[in-house]
Amino acid sequence: MAASKTTTFRLPTEFFSLLDRLAKQLNATKTEIVEKSVLLTAGLLAEASRASYADLETIQEKYGKDARLVIGAFEENGKPEGKLLINGVDPVDVQALAFPDKAAGEVHMFLSVLRDHTPVPAFVQIGDEALFLPHPRMPVGTLPWPPKPHLAIQILLADIEEAAKAAEQQATELVEL
């Protein structure tokens, strides 16, 4: 049996009620729910970071080490839209996606690289249930919401390999037990 440690957390009563319901629904112990939740969060963050940098490296391979990305957000018909230019051109193989957090007054910007193949999805088992997590990604940045004209995120791809290595190391440390 693996070594264990006991600790005490002060959490709202509603949390424990939810934990009880989850354990019953998933046919799992409360300890398993908490363990899997922490591992799932760490794994998702690590994979999202890895995949996001892999996308930037794919863009760099196609558009060059000196490529310049300009990513903006706007509102069209009441819906958030992302806009991406690579070296001043609207690409057909990469999209900018905008997901606003209106309460925080910001919009999270993501890139989606269109591929000929489907990336390998993530899978996690919690109790009797399995979760399929096909495409976790980290945002490339955050902009104000509602959008401000002429405000955008700029990314130069020249140093992406070093940033990717640093992120990979951080992600590895995050998921190691």
N, C-alpha and C. Protein backbone atom coordinates (compact mmCIF):
# COMPACT_ATOMS: atom_id res chain seq x y z
N MET A 1 0.84 -1.18 0.00
CA MET A 1 0.00 0.00 0.00
C MET A 1 0.89 1.24 0.00
N ALA A 2 0.51 2.23 -0.75
CA ALA A 2 1.27 3.48 -0.84
C ALA A 2 1.15 4.25 0.46
N ALA A 3 2.21 4.99 0.78
CA ALA A 3 2.17 5.83 1.97
C ALA A 3 1.07 6.86 1.84
N SER A 4 0.46 7.22 2.95
CA SER A 4 -0.62 8.20 2.90
C SER A 4 -0.42 9.22 4.01
N LYS A 5 -1.15 10.29 3.90
CA LYS A 5 -1.07 11.39 4.86
C LYS A 5 -2.49 11.86 5.13
N THR A 6 -2.78 12.17 6.35
CA THR A 6 -4.10 12.67 6.72
C THR A 6 -4.01 14.17 6.95
N THR A 7 -5.01 14.89 6.46
CA THR A 7 -5.04 16.33 6.64
C THR A 7 -6.49 16.77 6.83
N THR A 8 -6.67 18.00 7.21
CA THR A 8 -8.01 18.54 7.39
C THR A 8 -8.18 19.78 6.53
N PHE A 9 -9.28 19.83 5.81
CA PHE A 9 -9.62 21.00 5.00
C PHE A 9 -10.93 21.58 5.52
N ARG A 10 -11.03 22.87 5.54
CA ARG A 10 -12.28 23.52 5.91
C ARG A 10 -12.96 23.93 4.60
N LEU A 11 -14.07 23.28 4.31
CA LEU A 11 -14.80 23.51 3.06
C LEU A 11 -16.27 23.75 3.38
N PRO A 12 -16.99 24.42 2.49
CA PRO A 12 -18.42 24.66 2.73
C PRO A 12 -19.20 23.35 2.83
N THR A 13 -20.25 23.36 3.62
CA THR A 13 -21.09 22.19 3.81
C THR A 13 -21.60 21.66 2.47
N GLU A 14 -21.93 22.56 1.55
CA GLU A 14 -22.45 22.16 0.24
C GLU A 14 -21.45 21.27 -0.51
N PHE A 15 -20.16 21.53 -0.29
CA PHE A 15 -19.13 20.72 -0.95
C PHE A 15 -19.25 19.26 -0.51
N PHE A 16 -19.41 19.05 0.79
CA PHE A 16 -19.49 17.68 1.29
C PHE A 16 -20.76 16.98 0.82
N SER A 17 -21.83 17.73 0.68
CA SER A 17 -23.06 17.17 0.13
C SER A 17 -22.84 16.73 -1.32
N LEU A 18 -22.17 17.58 -2.08
CA LEU A 18 -21.85 17.23 -3.47
C LEU A 18 -20.91 16.03 -3.52
N LEU A 19 -19.93 16.00 -2.65
CA LEU A 19 -18.99 14.87 -2.60
C LEU A 19 -19.73 13.57 -2.31
N ASP A 20 -20.66 13.60 -1.37
CA ASP A 20 -21.47 12.42 -1.07
C ASP A 20 -22.26 11.96 -2.28
N ARG A 21 -22.91 12.91 -2.98
CA ARG A 21 -23.71 12.56 -4.17
C ARG A 21 -22.83 11.98 -5.27
N LEU A 22 -21.66 12.59 -5.49
CA LEU A 22 -20.75 12.09 -6.52
C LEU A 22 -20.29 10.67 -6.20
N ALA A 23 -19.90 10.44 -4.96
CA ALA A 23 -19.43 9.11 -4.56
C ALA A 23 -20.52 8.06 -4.80
N LYS A 24 -21.74 8.41 -4.45
CA LYS A 24 -22.84 7.47 -4.64
C LYS A 24 -23.10 7.24 -6.14
N GLN A 25 -23.17 8.32 -6.90
CA GLN A 25 -23.46 8.20 -8.34
C GLN A 25 -22.36 7.45 -9.09
N LEU A 26 -21.11 7.66 -8.72
CA LEU A 26 -19.99 7.05 -9.43
C LEU A 26 -19.55 5.72 -8.83
N ASN A 27 -20.22 5.32 -7.73
CA ASN A 27 -19.86 4.09 -7.04
C ASN A 27 -18.36 4.11 -6.67
N ALA A 28 -17.98 5.18 -6.00
CA ALA A 28 -16.58 5.37 -5.62
C ALA A 28 -16.54 5.93 -4.20
N THR A 29 -15.38 5.83 -3.58
CA THR A 29 -15.24 6.43 -2.25
C THR A 29 -15.01 7.93 -2.40
N LYS A 30 -15.28 8.65 -1.31
CA LYS A 30 -15.04 10.10 -1.33
C LYS A 30 -13.55 10.39 -1.51
N THR A 31 -12.70 9.56 -0.93
CA THR A 31 -11.25 9.73 -1.10
C THR A 31 -10.88 9.57 -2.57
N GLU A 32 -11.47 8.57 -3.23
CA GLU A 32 -11.18 8.36 -4.65
C GLU A 32 -11.63 9.56 -5.49
N ILE A 33 -12.79 10.12 -5.17
CA ILE A 33 -13.29 11.29 -5.90
C ILE A 33 -12.31 12.45 -5.75
N VAL A 34 -11.85 12.71 -4.53
CA VAL A 34 -10.91 13.81 -4.31
C VAL A 34 -9.59 13.53 -5.01
N GLU A 35 -9.05 12.31 -4.88
CA GLU A 35 -7.78 11.96 -5.53
C GLU A 35 -7.89 12.13 -7.04
N LYS A 36 -8.94 11.55 -7.63
CA LYS A 36 -9.10 11.62 -9.09
C LYS A 36 -9.31 13.06 -9.55
N SER A 37 -10.00 13.85 -8.75
CA SER A 37 -10.24 15.25 -9.12
C SER A 37 -8.93 16.02 -9.20
N VAL A 38 -8.06 15.81 -8.20
CA VAL A 38 -6.76 16.49 -8.20
C VAL A 38 -5.90 15.99 -9.36
N LEU A 39 -5.86 14.67 -9.56
CA LEU A 39 -5.07 14.12 -10.67
C LEU A 39 -5.62 14.57 -12.02
N LEU A 40 -6.94 14.62 -12.15
CA LEU A 40 -7.56 15.07 -13.39
C LEU A 40 -7.20 16.52 -13.67
N THR A 41 -7.28 17.37 -12.65
CA THR A 41 -6.93 18.78 -12.83
C THR A 41 -5.48 18.93 -13.26
N ALA A 42 -4.57 18.25 -12.57
CA ALA A 42 -3.15 18.32 -12.92
C ALA A 42 -2.91 17.80 -14.33
N GLY A 43 -3.53 16.67 -14.65
CA GLY A 43 -3.35 16.09 -15.98
C GLY A 43 -3.90 16.97 -17.09
N LEU A 44 -5.08 17.56 -16.85
CA LEU A 44 -5.67 18.46 -17.84
C LEU A 44 -4.79 19.68 -18.07
N LEU A 45 -4.29 20.27 -16.99
CA LEU A 45 -3.43 21.44 -17.14
C LEU A 45 -2.15 21.09 -17.90
N ALA A 46 -1.55 19.95 -17.57
CA ALA A 46 -0.32 19.53 -18.24
C ALA A 46 -0.58 19.25 -19.72
N GLU A 47 -1.63 18.52 -20.03
CA GLU A 47 -1.93 18.19 -21.42
C GLU A 47 -2.34 19.43 -22.21
N ALA A 48 -3.11 20.31 -21.60
CA ALA A 48 -3.52 21.53 -22.30
C ALA A 48 -2.31 22.39 -22.64
N SER A 49 -1.37 22.49 -21.73
CA SER A 49 -0.15 23.25 -21.99
C SER A 49 0.66 22.61 -23.11
N ARG A 50 0.87 21.29 -23.02
CA ARG A 50 1.63 20.57 -24.04
C ARG A 50 0.99 20.73 -25.42
N ALA A 51 -0.31 20.54 -25.48
CA ALA A 51 -1.01 20.62 -26.76
C ALA A 51 -1.00 22.04 -27.32
N SER A 52 -1.11 23.03 -26.45
CA SER A 52 -1.10 24.42 -26.91
C SER A 52 0.25 24.78 -27.53
N TYR A 53 1.34 24.36 -26.88
CA TYR A 53 2.66 24.62 -27.45
C TYR A 53 2.88 23.81 -28.72
N ALA A 54 2.36 22.60 -28.77
CA ALA A 54 2.46 21.79 -30.00
C ALA A 54 1.75 22.50 -31.16
N ASP A 55 0.60 23.13 -30.86
CA ASP A 55 -0.10 23.90 -31.90
C ASP A 55 0.76 25.06 -32.39
N LEU A 56 1.39 25.78 -31.46
CA LEU A 56 2.25 26.91 -31.86
C LEU A 56 3.45 26.42 -32.67
N GLU A 57 4.00 25.27 -32.31
CA GLU A 57 5.11 24.71 -33.08
C GLU A 57 4.65 24.29 -34.48
N THR A 58 3.43 23.76 -34.59
CA THR A 58 2.88 23.40 -35.90
C THR A 58 2.71 24.66 -36.76
N ILE A 59 2.22 25.72 -36.15
CA ILE A 59 2.07 26.99 -36.88
C ILE A 59 3.44 27.51 -37.31
N GLN A 60 4.42 27.39 -36.42
CA GLN A 60 5.78 27.85 -36.74
C GLN A 60 6.36 27.05 -37.91
N GLU A 61 6.15 25.73 -37.93
CA GLU A 61 6.65 24.89 -39.03
C GLU A 61 6.06 25.34 -40.35
N LYS A 62 4.78 25.69 -40.36
CA LYS A 62 4.12 26.07 -41.61
C LYS A 62 4.41 27.51 -42.03
N TYR A 63 4.45 28.42 -41.04
CA TYR A 63 4.54 29.84 -41.37
C TYR A 63 5.92 30.45 -41.10
N GLY A 64 6.82 29.68 -40.52
CA GLY A 64 8.18 30.15 -40.32
C GLY A 64 8.47 30.64 -38.92
N LYS A 65 9.77 30.61 -38.57
CA LYS A 65 10.21 31.02 -37.23
C LYS A 65 9.94 32.50 -36.95
N ASP A 66 9.86 33.30 -38.00
CA ASP A 66 9.64 34.73 -37.81
C ASP A 66 8.16 35.11 -37.94
N ALA A 67 7.30 34.12 -37.92
CA ALA A 67 5.86 34.40 -38.07
C ALA A 67 5.35 35.26 -36.92
N ARG A 68 4.43 36.12 -37.26
CA ARG A 68 3.80 37.01 -36.27
C ARG A 68 2.31 36.74 -36.27
N LEU A 69 1.78 36.40 -35.10
CA LEU A 69 0.35 36.15 -34.93
C LEU A 69 -0.27 37.36 -34.24
N VAL A 70 -1.39 37.80 -34.75
CA VAL A 70 -2.17 38.87 -34.12
C VAL A 70 -3.56 38.29 -33.89
N ILE A 71 -3.96 38.25 -32.61
CA ILE A 71 -5.20 37.60 -32.22
C ILE A 71 -6.09 38.63 -31.53
N GLY A 72 -7.30 38.79 -32.04
CA GLY A 72 -8.23 39.75 -31.47
C GLY A 72 -9.59 39.15 -31.25
N ALA A 73 -10.42 39.89 -30.54
CA ALA A 73 -11.79 39.47 -30.28
C ALA A 73 -12.74 40.58 -30.68
N PHE A 74 -13.90 40.19 -31.16
CA PHE A 74 -14.95 41.15 -31.45
C PHE A 74 -16.30 40.48 -31.22
N GLU A 75 -17.32 41.29 -31.24
CA GLU A 75 -18.68 40.79 -31.02
C GLU A 75 -19.45 40.93 -32.32
N GLU A 76 -20.06 39.84 -32.74
CA GLU A 76 -20.87 39.86 -33.96
C GLU A 76 -22.22 39.23 -33.66
N ASN A 77 -23.27 39.99 -33.87
CA ASN A 77 -24.63 39.54 -33.57
C ASN A 77 -24.76 39.06 -32.13
N GLY A 78 -24.11 39.75 -31.21
CA GLY A 78 -24.18 39.42 -29.80
C GLY A 78 -23.33 38.24 -29.37
N LYS A 79 -22.56 37.66 -30.29
CA LYS A 79 -21.74 36.49 -29.97
C LYS A 79 -20.26 36.85 -30.10
N PRO A 80 -19.43 36.25 -29.23
CA PRO A 80 -17.99 36.51 -29.31
C PRO A 80 -17.38 35.81 -30.52
N GLU A 81 -16.48 36.49 -31.17
CA GLU A 81 -15.76 35.92 -32.32
C GLU A 81 -14.28 36.22 -32.15
N GLY A 82 -13.47 35.29 -32.59
CA GLY A 82 -12.03 35.50 -32.60
C GLY A 82 -11.56 35.83 -34.00
N LYS A 83 -10.49 36.59 -34.08
CA LYS A 83 -9.90 36.94 -35.37
C LYS A 83 -8.40 36.70 -35.27
N LEU A 84 -7.85 36.04 -36.27
CA LEU A 84 -6.43 35.73 -36.30
C LEU A 84 -5.83 36.15 -37.63
N LEU A 85 -4.69 36.81 -37.55
CA LEU A 85 -3.87 37.09 -38.72
C LEU A 85 -2.49 36.51 -38.46
N ILE A 86 -1.96 35.82 -39.45
CA ILE A 86 -0.58 35.32 -39.38
C ILE A 86 0.19 36.01 -40.48
N ASN A 87 1.18 36.78 -40.09
CA ASN A 87 1.95 37.59 -41.04
C ASN A 87 1.03 38.47 -41.89
N GLY A 88 -0.02 38.98 -41.25
CA GLY A 88 -0.94 39.89 -41.91
C GLY A 88 -2.00 39.24 -42.77
N VAL A 89 -2.05 37.90 -42.79
CA VAL A 89 -2.98 37.17 -43.65
C VAL A 89 -3.92 36.33 -42.79
N ASP A 90 -5.18 36.26 -43.19
CA ASP A 90 -6.19 35.43 -42.52
C ASP A 90 -5.96 33.98 -42.94
N PRO A 91 -5.46 33.10 -42.04
CA PRO A 91 -5.15 31.73 -42.43
C PRO A 91 -6.41 30.87 -42.57
N VAL A 92 -6.34 29.86 -43.41
CA VAL A 92 -7.47 28.94 -43.57
C VAL A 92 -7.31 27.71 -42.68
N ASP A 93 -6.13 27.48 -42.11
CA ASP A 93 -5.86 26.27 -41.35
C ASP A 93 -5.71 26.49 -39.84
N VAL A 94 -5.91 27.71 -39.39
CA VAL A 94 -5.84 28.02 -37.95
C VAL A 94 -6.97 29.00 -37.64
N GLN A 95 -7.65 28.76 -36.53
CA GLN A 95 -8.74 29.64 -36.11
C GLN A 95 -8.45 30.21 -34.73
N ALA A 96 -8.93 31.41 -34.49
CA ALA A 96 -8.93 32.00 -33.15
C ALA A 96 -10.33 31.82 -32.58
N LEU A 97 -10.40 31.33 -31.36
CA LEU A 97 -11.68 31.10 -30.69
C LEU A 97 -11.75 31.99 -29.46
N ALA A 98 -12.89 32.63 -29.25
CA ALA A 98 -13.07 33.56 -28.14
C ALA A 98 -14.12 33.02 -27.17
N PHE A 99 -13.74 32.92 -25.88
CA PHE A 99 -14.64 32.46 -24.84
C PHE A 99 -14.67 33.51 -23.73
N PRO A 100 -15.71 34.34 -23.71
CA PRO A 100 -15.74 35.41 -22.70
C PRO A 100 -16.14 34.93 -21.32
N ASP A 101 -15.56 35.58 -20.34
CA ASP A 101 -15.98 35.47 -18.94
C ASP A 101 -16.51 36.86 -18.62
N LYS A 102 -17.79 37.07 -18.89
CA LYS A 102 -18.38 38.40 -18.77
C LYS A 102 -18.31 38.94 -17.35
N ALA A 103 -18.44 38.06 -16.36
CA ALA A 103 -18.38 38.50 -14.97
C ALA A 103 -17.00 39.07 -14.64
N ALA A 104 -15.96 38.51 -15.24
CA ALA A 104 -14.59 38.98 -15.00
C ALA A 104 -14.21 40.11 -15.96
N GLY A 105 -15.04 40.34 -16.98
CA GLY A 105 -14.75 41.39 -17.94
C GLY A 105 -13.58 41.06 -18.86
N GLU A 106 -13.46 39.76 -19.20
CA GLU A 106 -12.37 39.35 -20.08
C GLU A 106 -12.82 38.24 -21.01
N VAL A 107 -12.05 38.07 -22.06
CA VAL A 107 -12.31 37.00 -23.01
C VAL A 107 -11.02 36.20 -23.18
N HIS A 108 -11.13 34.88 -23.06
CA HIS A 108 -9.98 34.00 -23.20
C HIS A 108 -9.87 33.59 -24.67
N MET A 109 -8.68 33.75 -25.21
CA MET A 109 -8.45 33.48 -26.63
C MET A 109 -7.68 32.17 -26.81
N PHE A 110 -8.21 31.31 -27.65
CA PHE A 110 -7.60 30.02 -27.93
C PHE A 110 -7.31 29.93 -29.43
N LEU A 111 -6.33 29.10 -29.78
CA LEU A 111 -6.07 28.80 -31.18
C LEU A 111 -6.48 27.36 -31.45
N SER A 112 -7.02 27.13 -32.62
CA SER A 112 -7.38 25.79 -33.06
C SER A 112 -6.74 25.54 -34.41
N VAL A 113 -5.82 24.58 -34.44
CA VAL A 113 -5.14 24.22 -35.68
C VAL A 113 -5.95 23.13 -36.35
N LEU A 114 -6.39 23.38 -37.57
CA LEU A 114 -7.15 22.39 -38.32
C LEU A 114 -6.17 21.38 -38.91
N ARG A 115 -6.43 20.10 -38.64
CA ARG A 115 -5.50 19.04 -39.04
C ARG A 115 -6.21 18.01 -39.92
N ASP A 116 -5.39 17.22 -40.62
CA ASP A 116 -5.91 16.11 -41.40
C ASP A 116 -6.25 14.92 -40.52
N HIS A 117 -5.71 14.90 -39.30
CA HIS A 117 -5.94 13.79 -38.38
C HIS A 117 -6.50 14.33 -37.05
N THR A 118 -7.11 13.44 -36.31
CA THR A 118 -7.67 13.81 -35.01
C THR A 118 -6.62 13.57 -33.94
N PRO A 119 -6.37 14.56 -33.08
CA PRO A 119 -5.41 14.34 -31.99
C PRO A 119 -5.88 13.23 -31.06
N VAL A 120 -4.93 12.56 -30.40
CA VAL A 120 -5.28 11.49 -29.47
C VAL A 120 -6.00 12.11 -28.27
N PRO A 121 -7.22 11.65 -27.99
CA PRO A 121 -7.99 12.24 -26.89
C PRO A 121 -7.52 11.76 -25.52
N ALA A 122 -7.84 12.52 -24.51
CA ALA A 122 -7.56 12.13 -23.13
C ALA A 122 -8.74 11.32 -22.61
N PHE A 123 -8.47 10.43 -21.68
CA PHE A 123 -9.49 9.56 -21.09
C PHE A 123 -9.18 9.42 -19.61
N VAL A 124 -10.21 9.49 -18.77
CA VAL A 124 -10.01 9.29 -17.34
C VAL A 124 -11.17 8.49 -16.77
N GLN A 125 -10.85 7.58 -15.87
CA GLN A 125 -11.85 6.74 -15.21
C GLN A 125 -12.03 7.25 -13.79
N ILE A 126 -13.29 7.54 -13.40
CA ILE A 126 -13.61 7.93 -12.02
C ILE A 126 -14.74 7.03 -11.56
N GLY A 127 -14.45 6.14 -10.62
CA GLY A 127 -15.46 5.18 -10.18
C GLY A 127 -15.92 4.34 -11.36
N ASP A 128 -17.23 4.27 -11.55
CA ASP A 128 -17.79 3.49 -12.65
C ASP A 128 -17.90 4.29 -13.95
N GLU A 129 -17.56 5.55 -13.91
CA GLU A 129 -17.74 6.42 -15.08
C GLU A 129 -16.41 6.70 -15.77
N ALA A 130 -16.48 6.88 -17.08
CA ALA A 130 -15.31 7.25 -17.88
C ALA A 130 -15.59 8.59 -18.54
N LEU A 131 -14.59 9.44 -18.57
CA LEU A 131 -14.72 10.74 -19.23
C LEU A 131 -13.81 10.78 -20.45
N PHE A 132 -14.34 11.28 -21.53
CA PHE A 132 -13.61 11.46 -22.79
C PHE A 132 -13.32 12.95 -22.93
N LEU A 133 -12.07 13.32 -23.01
CA LEU A 133 -11.67 14.73 -23.04
C LEU A 133 -10.86 14.95 -24.32
N PRO A 134 -11.52 15.29 -25.42
CA PRO A 134 -10.87 15.25 -26.72
C PRO A 134 -9.84 16.32 -27.03
N HIS A 135 -9.92 17.52 -26.45
CA HIS A 135 -9.06 18.57 -26.99
C HIS A 135 -8.74 19.66 -25.97
N PRO A 136 -8.10 19.32 -24.84
CA PRO A 136 -7.80 20.38 -23.86
C PRO A 136 -6.73 21.33 -24.39
N ARG A 137 -6.91 22.62 -24.19
CA ARG A 137 -5.96 23.64 -24.62
C ARG A 137 -5.91 24.75 -23.60
N MET A 138 -4.79 25.44 -23.54
CA MET A 138 -4.64 26.63 -22.71
C MET A 138 -4.89 27.84 -23.60
N PRO A 139 -5.41 28.92 -23.04
CA PRO A 139 -5.57 30.12 -23.87
C PRO A 139 -4.21 30.71 -24.22
N VAL A 140 -4.13 31.36 -25.38
CA VAL A 140 -2.90 32.04 -25.76
C VAL A 140 -2.82 33.41 -25.10
N GLY A 141 -3.92 33.83 -24.51
CA GLY A 141 -3.95 35.10 -23.81
C GLY A 141 -5.37 35.51 -23.48
N THR A 142 -5.47 36.64 -22.82
CA THR A 142 -6.76 37.17 -22.40
C THR A 142 -6.86 38.63 -22.81
N LEU A 143 -8.03 39.01 -23.28
CA LEU A 143 -8.32 40.39 -23.68
C LEU A 143 -9.52 40.88 -22.88
N PRO A 144 -9.74 42.19 -22.84
CA PRO A 144 -10.93 42.71 -22.14
C PRO A 144 -12.22 42.33 -22.87
N TRP A 145 -13.29 42.18 -22.10
CA TRP A 145 -14.62 41.96 -22.66
C TRP A 145 -15.59 42.90 -21.97
N PRO A 146 -16.41 43.64 -22.69
CA PRO A 146 -16.54 43.64 -24.15
C PRO A 146 -15.24 44.10 -24.83
N PRO A 147 -15.11 43.69 -26.10
CA PRO A 147 -13.87 43.96 -26.82
C PRO A 147 -13.56 45.45 -26.95
N LYS A 148 -12.31 45.76 -26.98
CA LYS A 148 -11.85 47.13 -27.21
C LYS A 148 -11.24 47.18 -28.61
N PRO A 149 -11.66 48.12 -29.44
CA PRO A 149 -11.12 48.22 -30.80
C PRO A 149 -9.61 48.39 -30.77
N HIS A 150 -8.96 47.77 -31.71
CA HIS A 150 -7.52 47.91 -31.93
C HIS A 150 -6.66 47.33 -30.81
N LEU A 151 -7.24 46.48 -29.96
CA LEU A 151 -6.47 45.82 -28.91
C LEU A 151 -6.38 44.34 -29.27
N ALA A 152 -5.16 43.80 -29.31
CA ALA A 152 -4.97 42.41 -29.73
C ALA A 152 -3.78 41.81 -29.00
N ILE A 153 -3.69 40.50 -29.06
CA ILE A 153 -2.55 39.74 -28.55
C ILE A 153 -1.59 39.55 -29.73
N GLN A 154 -0.31 39.77 -29.51
CA GLN A 154 0.69 39.53 -30.54
C GLN A 154 1.65 38.46 -30.06
N ILE A 155 1.90 37.48 -30.90
CA ILE A 155 2.84 36.41 -30.58
C ILE A 155 3.86 36.32 -31.70
N LEU A 156 5.13 36.36 -31.34
CA LEU A 156 6.22 36.12 -32.29
C LEU A 156 6.70 34.70 -32.03
N LEU A 157 6.78 33.90 -33.06
CA LEU A 157 7.07 32.48 -32.89
C LEU A 157 8.57 32.16 -32.82
N ALA A 158 9.42 33.16 -32.83
CA ALA A 158 10.86 32.93 -32.88
C ALA A 158 11.38 32.10 -31.69
N ASP A 159 10.83 32.29 -30.51
CA ASP A 159 11.36 31.62 -29.32
C ASP A 159 10.45 30.54 -28.77
N ILE A 160 9.59 30.00 -29.59
CA ILE A 160 8.57 29.08 -29.10
C ILE A 160 9.16 27.78 -28.55
N GLU A 161 10.28 27.30 -29.12
CA GLU A 161 10.86 26.04 -28.65
C GLU A 161 11.30 26.14 -27.19
N GLU A 162 11.96 27.23 -26.82
CA GLU A 162 12.41 27.40 -25.44
C GLU A 162 11.22 27.52 -24.49
N ALA A 163 10.22 28.25 -24.89
CA ALA A 163 9.02 28.38 -24.05
C ALA A 163 8.33 27.03 -23.90
N ALA A 164 8.29 26.25 -24.97
CA ALA A 164 7.66 24.92 -24.93
C ALA A 164 8.43 23.99 -24.00
N LYS A 165 9.76 24.03 -24.03
CA LYS A 165 10.56 23.18 -23.13
C LYS A 165 10.31 23.54 -21.67
N ALA A 166 10.26 24.82 -21.36
CA ALA A 166 10.00 25.27 -19.99
C ALA A 166 8.62 24.83 -19.55
N ALA A 167 7.63 24.94 -20.42
CA ALA A 167 6.26 24.54 -20.08
C ALA A 167 6.18 23.03 -19.89
N GLU A 168 6.91 22.27 -20.70
CA GLU A 168 6.93 20.81 -20.59
C GLU A 168 7.51 20.39 -19.24
N GLN A 169 8.58 21.03 -18.82
CA GLN A 169 9.18 20.73 -17.53
C GLN A 169 8.21 21.04 -16.40
N GLN A 170 7.56 22.17 -16.49
CA GLN A 170 6.57 22.55 -15.46
C GLN A 170 5.42 21.55 -15.43
N ALA A 171 4.96 21.13 -16.60
CA ALA A 171 3.85 20.17 -16.68
C ALA A 171 4.26 18.81 -16.12
N THR A 172 5.49 18.39 -16.39
CA THR A 172 5.98 17.11 -15.87
C THR A 172 6.02 17.15 -14.35
N GLU A 173 6.50 18.25 -13.79
CA GLU A 173 6.54 18.39 -12.33
C GLU A 173 5.13 18.41 -11.74
N LEU A 174 4.18 18.94 -12.47
CA LEU A 174 2.81 19.03 -12.00
C LEU A 174 2.16 17.66 -11.84
N VAL A 175 2.42 16.76 -12.76
CA VAL A 175 1.72 15.47 -12.75
C VAL A 175 2.51 14.34 -12.09
N GLU A 176 3.77 14.59 -11.72
CA GLU A 176 4.53 13.55 -11.04
C GLU A 176 4.02 13.35 -9.64
N LEU A 177 3.90 12.09 -9.23
CA LEU A 177 3.47 11.78 -7.85
C LEU A 177 4.67 11.44 -7.01
